[in-house]
Amino acid sequence: MHCKEKIYIYLSFLASIIFLSGCYAPPTFKPITTTVKHPKKEAPYIGSQLDHYFVRDWKYIVIHHSASVSGCAAEFDRFHREKRGWENGLGYHFVIGNGCGSDDGKIEIGGRWINQIDGAHAGVQEYNHSGIGICLVGNFNESYPTAAQMASLSALVEYLQERCRIPSENVIMHRHFRETECPGRNFPYYKLLAKTARW
């Protein structure tokens, strides 16, 4: 027997021993897979924040702008207490941030909503008493509300309409009953109504 044949037989014998003894396992290859999760953008759900508040009888939703580049509920509250002398502070029931002073699209709940008391936003008693005041931070004579602000406003208005049984014709801008440009020439009122049309 030639030397090469002896080596071949020896190697074959060795391989069979290793295989039968369980020390050898054929390699397994797992295919490389990647899952990419695309973030799903949804309108914010605010019911979880608001459901536990008692709600009195409201007839209107009144939209305002702050007519300022920046701001937040705490700033406006301080101004209304110190400069306007309003004992209950913040005149609005809700403030929606634009990213300058509070997060873009953040809905801040004012004390007047928590305590279900009249607003001080309208300048007309009927709308202060029966109107829910929502202020978007920004000057919409010079700029536009952000997409996040409008998404939050739509969600909030829709919630309030449902909860307080307020018809779409009673979702109004400040300038509908007062001589003012509020909430600004660039406020997309009809887009808002199209998204929140109810009743």
C-alpha atoms as a PDB file:
ATOM      1  CA  MET A   1       0.000   0.000   0.000  1.00  0.00           C
ATOM      2  CA  HIS A   2       1.366   3.358  -0.968  1.00  0.00           C
ATOM      3  CA  CYS A   3       2.024   6.052   1.538  1.00  0.00           C
ATOM      4  CA  LYS A   4      -0.653   8.349   0.055  1.00  0.00           C
ATOM      5  CA  GLU A   5      -3.301   5.624   0.352  1.00  0.00           C
ATOM      6  CA  LYS A   6      -2.367   5.022   4.003  1.00  0.00           C
ATOM      7  CA  ILE A   7      -2.739   8.727   4.800  1.00  0.00           C
ATOM      8  CA  TYR A   8      -6.112   8.846   3.022  1.00  0.00           C
ATOM      9  CA  ILE A   9      -7.423   5.811   4.951  1.00  0.00           C
ATOM     10  CA  TYR A  10      -6.132   7.245   8.247  1.00  0.00           C
ATOM     11  CA  LEU A  11      -7.799  10.610   7.629  1.00  0.00           C
ATOM     12  CA  SER A  12     -11.088   8.965   6.594  1.00  0.00           C
ATOM     13  CA  PHE A  13     -11.020   6.829   9.755  1.00  0.00           C
ATOM     14  CA  LEU A  14     -10.287   9.874  11.933  1.00  0.00           C
ATOM     15  CA  ALA A  15     -13.096  11.879  10.323  1.00  0.00           C
ATOM     16  CA  SER A  16     -15.620   9.066  10.902  1.00  0.00           C
ATOM     17  CA  ILE A  17     -14.631   8.816  14.602  1.00  0.00           C
ATOM     18  CA  ILE A  18     -15.046  12.567  15.111  1.00  0.00           C
ATOM     19  CA  PHE A  19     -18.399  12.565  13.308  1.00  0.00           C
ATOM     20  CA  LEU A  20     -19.779   9.571  15.245  1.00  0.00           C
ATOM     21  CA  SER A  21     -18.589  10.867  18.621  1.00  0.00           C
ATOM     22  CA  GLY A  22     -20.665  14.023  18.249  1.00  0.00           C
ATOM     23  CA  CYS A  23     -17.780  16.464  18.276  1.00  0.00           C
ATOM     24  CA  TYR A  24     -18.497  17.605  14.803  1.00  0.00           C
ATOM     25  CA  ALA A  25     -21.539  19.484  13.664  1.00  0.00           C
ATOM     26  CA  PRO A  26     -21.914  20.985  10.242  1.00  0.00           C
ATOM     27  CA  PRO A  27     -21.907  24.757  10.369  1.00  0.00           C
ATOM     28  CA  THR A  28     -25.260  26.488  10.288  1.00  0.00           C
ATOM     29  CA  PHE A  29     -25.584  29.849   8.634  1.00  0.00           C
ATOM     30  CA  LYS A  30     -28.311  32.282   9.587  1.00  0.00           C
ATOM     31  CA  PRO A  31     -29.250  34.733   6.893  1.00  0.00           C
ATOM     32  CA  ILE A  32     -28.667  38.330   7.924  1.00  0.00           C
ATOM     33  CA  THR A  33     -31.992  40.154   8.051  1.00  0.00           C
ATOM     34  CA  THR A  34     -32.711  43.735   9.031  1.00  0.00           C
ATOM     35  CA  THR A  35     -36.081  45.049  10.084  1.00  0.00           C
ATOM     36  CA  VAL A  36     -36.582  48.760   9.668  1.00  0.00           C
ATOM     37  CA  LYS A  37     -39.427  50.168  11.677  1.00  0.00           C
ATOM     38  CA  HIS A  38     -40.848  53.329  10.217  1.00  0.00           C
ATOM     39  CA  PRO A  39     -42.268  55.652  12.857  1.00  0.00           C
ATOM     40  CA  LYS A  40     -46.008  56.071  12.564  1.00  0.00           C
ATOM     41  CA  LYS A  41     -47.115  59.683  12.918  1.00  0.00           C
ATOM     42  CA  GLU A  42     -50.491  59.999  14.541  1.00  0.00           C
ATOM     43  CA  ALA A  43     -52.518  62.907  15.837  1.00  0.00           C
ATOM     44  CA  PRO A  44     -52.045  63.187  19.585  1.00  0.00           C
ATOM     45  CA  TYR A  45     -54.746  61.608  21.779  1.00  0.00           C
ATOM     46  CA  ILE A  46     -55.533  64.025  24.586  1.00  0.00           C
ATOM     47  CA  GLY A  47     -58.471  62.181  26.142  1.00  0.00           C
ATOM     48  CA  SER A  48     -56.212  60.436  28.645  1.00  0.00           C
ATOM     49  CA  GLN A  49     -55.231  63.864  30.023  1.00  0.00           C
ATOM     50  CA  LEU A  50     -58.730  65.351  30.019  1.00  0.00           C
ATOM     51  CA  ASP A  51     -61.213  62.545  30.674  1.00  0.00           C
ATOM     52  CA  HIS A  52     -60.973  62.777  34.454  1.00  0.00           C
ATOM     53  CA  TYR A  53     -61.960  66.488  34.606  1.00  0.00           C
ATOM     54  CA  PHE A  54     -65.565  67.382  35.355  1.00  0.00           C
ATOM     55  CA  VAL A  55     -67.044  69.398  32.485  1.00  0.00           C
ATOM     56  CA  ARG A  56     -69.699  72.080  32.836  1.00  0.00           C
ATOM     57  CA  ASP A  57     -71.919  73.368  30.013  1.00  0.00           C
ATOM     58  CA  TRP A  58     -69.864  75.013  27.255  1.00  0.00           C
ATOM     59  CA  LYS A  59     -71.247  76.382  23.966  1.00  0.00           C
ATOM     60  CA  TYR A  60     -68.251  77.666  21.994  1.00  0.00           C
ATOM     61  CA  ILE A  61     -64.622  76.960  21.228  1.00  0.00           C
ATOM     62  CA  VAL A  62     -62.733  80.219  20.612  1.00  0.00           C
ATOM     63  CA  ILE A  63     -59.368  80.145  18.800  1.00  0.00           C
ATOM     64  CA  HIS A  64     -56.677  82.777  19.551  1.00  0.00           C
ATOM     65  CA  HIS A  65     -53.024  83.407  18.809  1.00  0.00           C
ATOM     66  CA  SER A  66     -50.637  84.880  21.348  1.00  0.00           C
ATOM     67  CA  ALA A  67     -49.405  87.510  18.828  1.00  0.00           C
ATOM     68  CA  SER A  68     -45.907  86.800  20.178  1.00  0.00           C
ATOM     69  CA  VAL A  69     -43.015  84.807  18.738  1.00  0.00           C
ATOM     70  CA  SER A  70     -42.661  82.673  21.863  1.00  0.00           C
ATOM     71  CA  GLY A  71     -44.461  81.848  25.079  1.00  0.00           C
ATOM     72  CA  CYS A  72     -46.055  79.201  27.253  1.00  0.00           C
ATOM     73  CA  ALA A  73     -48.900  78.885  29.739  1.00  0.00           C
ATOM     74  CA  ALA A  74     -46.697  79.850  32.711  1.00  0.00           C
ATOM     75  CA  GLU A  75     -45.471  83.050  30.991  1.00  0.00           C
ATOM     76  CA  PHE A  76     -48.961  84.105  29.955  1.00  0.00           C
ATOM     77  CA  ASP A  77     -50.277  83.271  33.433  1.00  0.00           C
ATOM     78  CA  ARG A  78     -47.661  85.516  35.037  1.00  0.00           C
ATOM     79  CA  PHE A  79     -48.427  88.343  32.589  1.00  0.00           C
ATOM     80  CA  HIS A  80     -52.186  88.072  33.155  1.00  0.00           C
ATOM     81  CA  ARG A  81     -51.776  88.108  36.931  1.00  0.00           C
ATOM     82  CA  GLU A  82     -49.148  90.847  37.190  1.00  0.00           C
ATOM     83  CA  LYS A  83     -50.009  93.138  34.266  1.00  0.00           C
ATOM     84  CA  ARG A  84     -53.723  92.555  33.819  1.00  0.00           C
ATOM     85  CA  GLY A  85     -54.522  91.977  37.479  1.00  0.00           C
ATOM     86  CA  TRP A  86     -56.562  88.831  36.818  1.00  0.00           C
ATOM     87  CA  GLU A  87     -56.887  86.891  40.065  1.00  0.00           C
ATOM     88  CA  ASN A  88     -57.325  83.563  38.229  1.00  0.00           C
ATOM     89  CA  GLY A  89     -54.304  84.186  36.018  1.00  0.00           C
ATOM     90  CA  LEU A  90     -54.095  82.656  32.543  1.00  0.00           C
ATOM     91  CA  GLY A  91     -57.096  83.871  30.574  1.00  0.00           C
ATOM     92  CA  TYR A  92     -57.213  80.849  28.260  1.00  0.00           C
ATOM     93  CA  HIS A  93     -58.277  77.325  29.061  1.00  0.00           C
ATOM     94  CA  PHE A  94     -55.556  75.793  26.857  1.00  0.00           C
ATOM     95  CA  VAL A  95     -52.272  76.918  25.296  1.00  0.00           C
ATOM     96  CA  ILE A  96     -50.578  75.073  22.400  1.00  0.00           C
ATOM     97  CA  GLY A  97     -46.812  75.604  22.115  1.00  0.00           C
ATOM     98  CA  ASN A  98     -44.764  76.281  18.973  1.00  0.00           C
ATOM     99  CA  GLY A  99     -41.333  75.112  20.182  1.00  0.00           C
ATOM    100  CA  CYS A 100     -40.318  78.562  21.509  1.00  0.00           C
ATOM    101  CA  GLY A 101     -41.129  78.553  25.201  1.00  0.00           C
ATOM    102  CA  SER A 102     -42.758  75.126  25.275  1.00  0.00           C
ATOM    103  CA  ASP A 103     -42.582  72.044  23.046  1.00  0.00           C
ATOM    104  CA  ASP A 104     -43.956  72.300  19.523  1.00  0.00           C
ATOM    105  CA  GLY A 105     -47.557  71.078  19.597  1.00  0.00           C
ATOM    106  CA  LYS A 106     -47.628  70.627  23.379  1.00  0.00           C
ATOM    107  CA  ILE A 107     -51.103  71.150  24.839  1.00  0.00           C
ATOM    108  CA  GLU A 108     -50.920  72.944  28.190  1.00  0.00           C
ATOM    109  CA  ILE A 109     -54.004  72.769  30.375  1.00  0.00           C
ATOM    110  CA  GLY A 110     -54.824  75.987  32.214  1.00  0.00           C
ATOM    111  CA  GLY A 111     -56.279  76.349  35.684  1.00  0.00           C
ATOM    112  CA  ARG A 112     -59.516  77.725  34.264  1.00  0.00           C
ATOM    113  CA  TRP A 113     -60.156  74.390  32.548  1.00  0.00           C
ATOM    114  CA  ILE A 114     -59.129  72.343  35.573  1.00  0.00           C
ATOM    115  CA  ASN A 115     -61.499  74.374  37.765  1.00  0.00           C
ATOM    116  CA  GLN A 116     -64.119  74.816  35.002  1.00  0.00           C
ATOM    117  CA  ILE A 117     -64.375  78.583  35.420  1.00  0.00           C
ATOM    118  CA  ASP A 118     -65.008  81.415  32.967  1.00  0.00           C
ATOM    119  CA  GLY A 119     -62.214  82.449  30.654  1.00  0.00           C
ATOM    120  CA  ALA A 120     -60.781  85.951  30.343  1.00  0.00           C
ATOM    121  CA  HIS A 121     -59.862  85.644  26.691  1.00  0.00           C
ATOM    122  CA  ALA A 122     -62.767  87.030  24.732  1.00  0.00           C
ATOM    123  CA  GLY A 123     -63.444  90.597  25.829  1.00  0.00           C
ATOM    124  CA  VAL A 124     -67.161  89.751  25.575  1.00  0.00           C
ATOM    125  CA  GLN A 125     -68.943  88.298  28.599  1.00  0.00           C
ATOM    126  CA  GLU A 126     -70.967  85.689  26.690  1.00  0.00           C
ATOM    127  CA  TYR A 127     -67.858  84.162  25.108  1.00  0.00           C
ATOM    128  CA  ASN A 128     -65.837  84.351  28.323  1.00  0.00           C
ATOM    129  CA  HIS A 129     -68.641  82.555  30.165  1.00  0.00           C
ATOM    130  CA  SER A 130     -69.619  80.000  27.508  1.00  0.00           C
ATOM    131  CA  GLY A 131     -66.470  79.788  25.377  1.00  0.00           C
ATOM    132  CA  ILE A 132     -63.455  77.523  25.800  1.00  0.00           C
ATOM    133  CA  GLY A 133     -60.411  79.652  24.990  1.00  0.00           C
ATOM    134  CA  ILE A 134     -57.540  77.993  23.103  1.00  0.00           C
ATOM    135  CA  CYS A 135     -54.405  80.037  22.392  1.00  0.00           C
ATOM    136  CA  LEU A 136     -51.740  78.972  19.895  1.00  0.00           C
ATOM    137  CA  VAL A 137     -48.330  80.508  20.543  1.00  0.00           C
ATOM    138  CA  GLY A 138     -47.226  82.619  17.578  1.00  0.00           C
ATOM    139  CA  ASN A 139     -48.093  85.696  15.566  1.00  0.00           C
ATOM    140  CA  PHE A 140     -50.112  84.454  12.612  1.00  0.00           C
ATOM    141  CA  ASN A 141     -50.145  87.825  10.909  1.00  0.00           C
ATOM    142  CA  GLU A 142     -46.431  87.235  10.284  1.00  0.00           C
ATOM    143  CA  SER A 143     -46.082  83.428  10.222  1.00  0.00           C
ATOM    144  CA  TYR A 144     -48.167  80.268  10.185  1.00  0.00           C
ATOM    145  CA  PRO A 145     -48.995  77.742  12.903  1.00  0.00           C
ATOM    146  CA  THR A 146     -46.661  74.744  12.858  1.00  0.00           C
ATOM    147  CA  ALA A 147     -47.887  71.368  11.616  1.00  0.00           C
ATOM    148  CA  ALA A 148     -47.588  70.027  15.183  1.00  0.00           C
ATOM    149  CA  GLN A 149     -49.691  72.890  16.538  1.00  0.00           C
ATOM    150  CA  MET A 150     -52.426  72.246  13.979  1.00  0.00           C
ATOM    151  CA  ALA A 151     -52.409  68.495  14.679  1.00  0.00           C
ATOM    152  CA  SER A 152     -52.781  69.179  18.409  1.00  0.00           C
ATOM    153  CA  LEU A 153     -55.434  71.832  17.849  1.00  0.00           C
ATOM    154  CA  SER A 154     -57.472  69.496  15.608  1.00  0.00           C
ATOM    155  CA  ALA A 155     -57.253  66.702  18.178  1.00  0.00           C
ATOM    156  CA  LEU A 156     -58.197  69.041  21.038  1.00  0.00           C
ATOM    157  CA  VAL A 157     -61.099  70.665  19.192  1.00  0.00           C
ATOM    158  CA  GLU A 158     -62.414  67.264  18.124  1.00  0.00           C
ATOM    159  CA  TYR A 159     -62.238  66.013  21.700  1.00  0.00           C
ATOM    160  CA  LEU A 160     -63.969  69.114  23.108  1.00  0.00           C
ATOM    161  CA  GLN A 161     -66.697  68.981  20.477  1.00  0.00           C
ATOM    162  CA  GLU A 162     -67.431  65.375  21.370  1.00  0.00           C
ATOM    163  CA  ARG A 163     -67.217  65.816  25.126  1.00  0.00           C
ATOM    164  CA  CYS A 164     -69.107  69.121  25.332  1.00  0.00           C
ATOM    165  CA  ARG A 165     -71.494  68.586  22.382  1.00  0.00           C
ATOM    166  CA  ILE A 166     -70.284  71.709  20.573  1.00  0.00           C
ATOM    167  CA  PRO A 167     -71.339  71.967  16.894  1.00  0.00           C
ATOM    168  CA  SER A 168     -68.849  72.981  14.195  1.00  0.00           C
ATOM    169  CA  GLU A 169     -70.522  76.360  13.648  1.00  0.00           C
ATOM    170  CA  ASN A 170     -69.587  77.229  17.238  1.00  0.00           C
ATOM    171  CA  VAL A 171     -65.869  76.617  16.647  1.00  0.00           C
ATOM    172  CA  ILE A 172     -64.959  80.249  16.047  1.00  0.00           C
ATOM    173  CA  MET A 173     -62.068  82.669  15.844  1.00  0.00           C
ATOM    174  CA  HIS A 174     -61.720  85.627  18.214  1.00  0.00           C
ATOM    175  CA  ARG A 175     -62.281  88.019  15.318  1.00  0.00           C
ATOM    176  CA  HIS A 176     -65.724  86.578  14.621  1.00  0.00           C
ATOM    177  CA  PHE A 177     -67.198  88.613  17.472  1.00  0.00           C
ATOM    178  CA  ARG A 178     -64.587  91.225  18.370  1.00  0.00           C
ATOM    179  CA  GLU A 179     -62.779  93.891  16.371  1.00  0.00           C
ATOM    180  CA  THR A 180     -59.392  92.204  16.204  1.00  0.00           C
ATOM    181  CA  GLU A 181     -57.247  90.271  13.729  1.00  0.00           C
ATOM    182  CA  CYS A 182     -56.826  87.421  16.225  1.00  0.00           C
ATOM    183  CA  PRO A 183     -55.866  84.633  15.517  1.00  0.00           C
ATOM    184  CA  GLY A 184     -54.098  86.345  12.619  1.00  0.00           C
ATOM    185  CA  ARG A 185     -54.567  86.580   8.858  1.00  0.00           C
ATOM    186  CA  ASN A 186     -52.576  83.369   8.234  1.00  0.00           C
ATOM    187  CA  PHE A 187     -54.560  81.128  10.547  1.00  0.00           C
ATOM    188  CA  PRO A 188     -56.015  78.239   8.415  1.00  0.00           C
ATOM    189  CA  TYR A 189     -59.526  78.344   9.865  1.00  0.00           C
ATOM    190  CA  TYR A 190     -61.296  76.438   7.074  1.00  0.00           C
ATOM    191  CA  LYS A 191     -58.690  73.663   7.125  1.00  0.00           C
ATOM    192  CA  LEU A 192     -59.344  73.275  10.837  1.00  0.00           C
ATOM    193  CA  LEU A 193     -63.104  73.085  10.263  1.00  0.00           C
ATOM    194  CA  ALA A 194     -62.653  70.525   7.483  1.00  0.00           C
ATOM    195  CA  LYS A 195     -60.692  68.261   9.848  1.00  0.00           C
ATOM    196  CA  THR A 196     -62.999  68.627  12.823  1.00  0.00           C
ATOM    197  CA  ALA A 197     -66.446  68.957  11.189  1.00  0.00           C
ATOM    198  CA  ARG A 198     -69.054  67.377  13.496  1.00  0.00           C
ATOM    199  CA  TRP A 199     -72.706  67.453  14.391  1.00  0.00           C
END
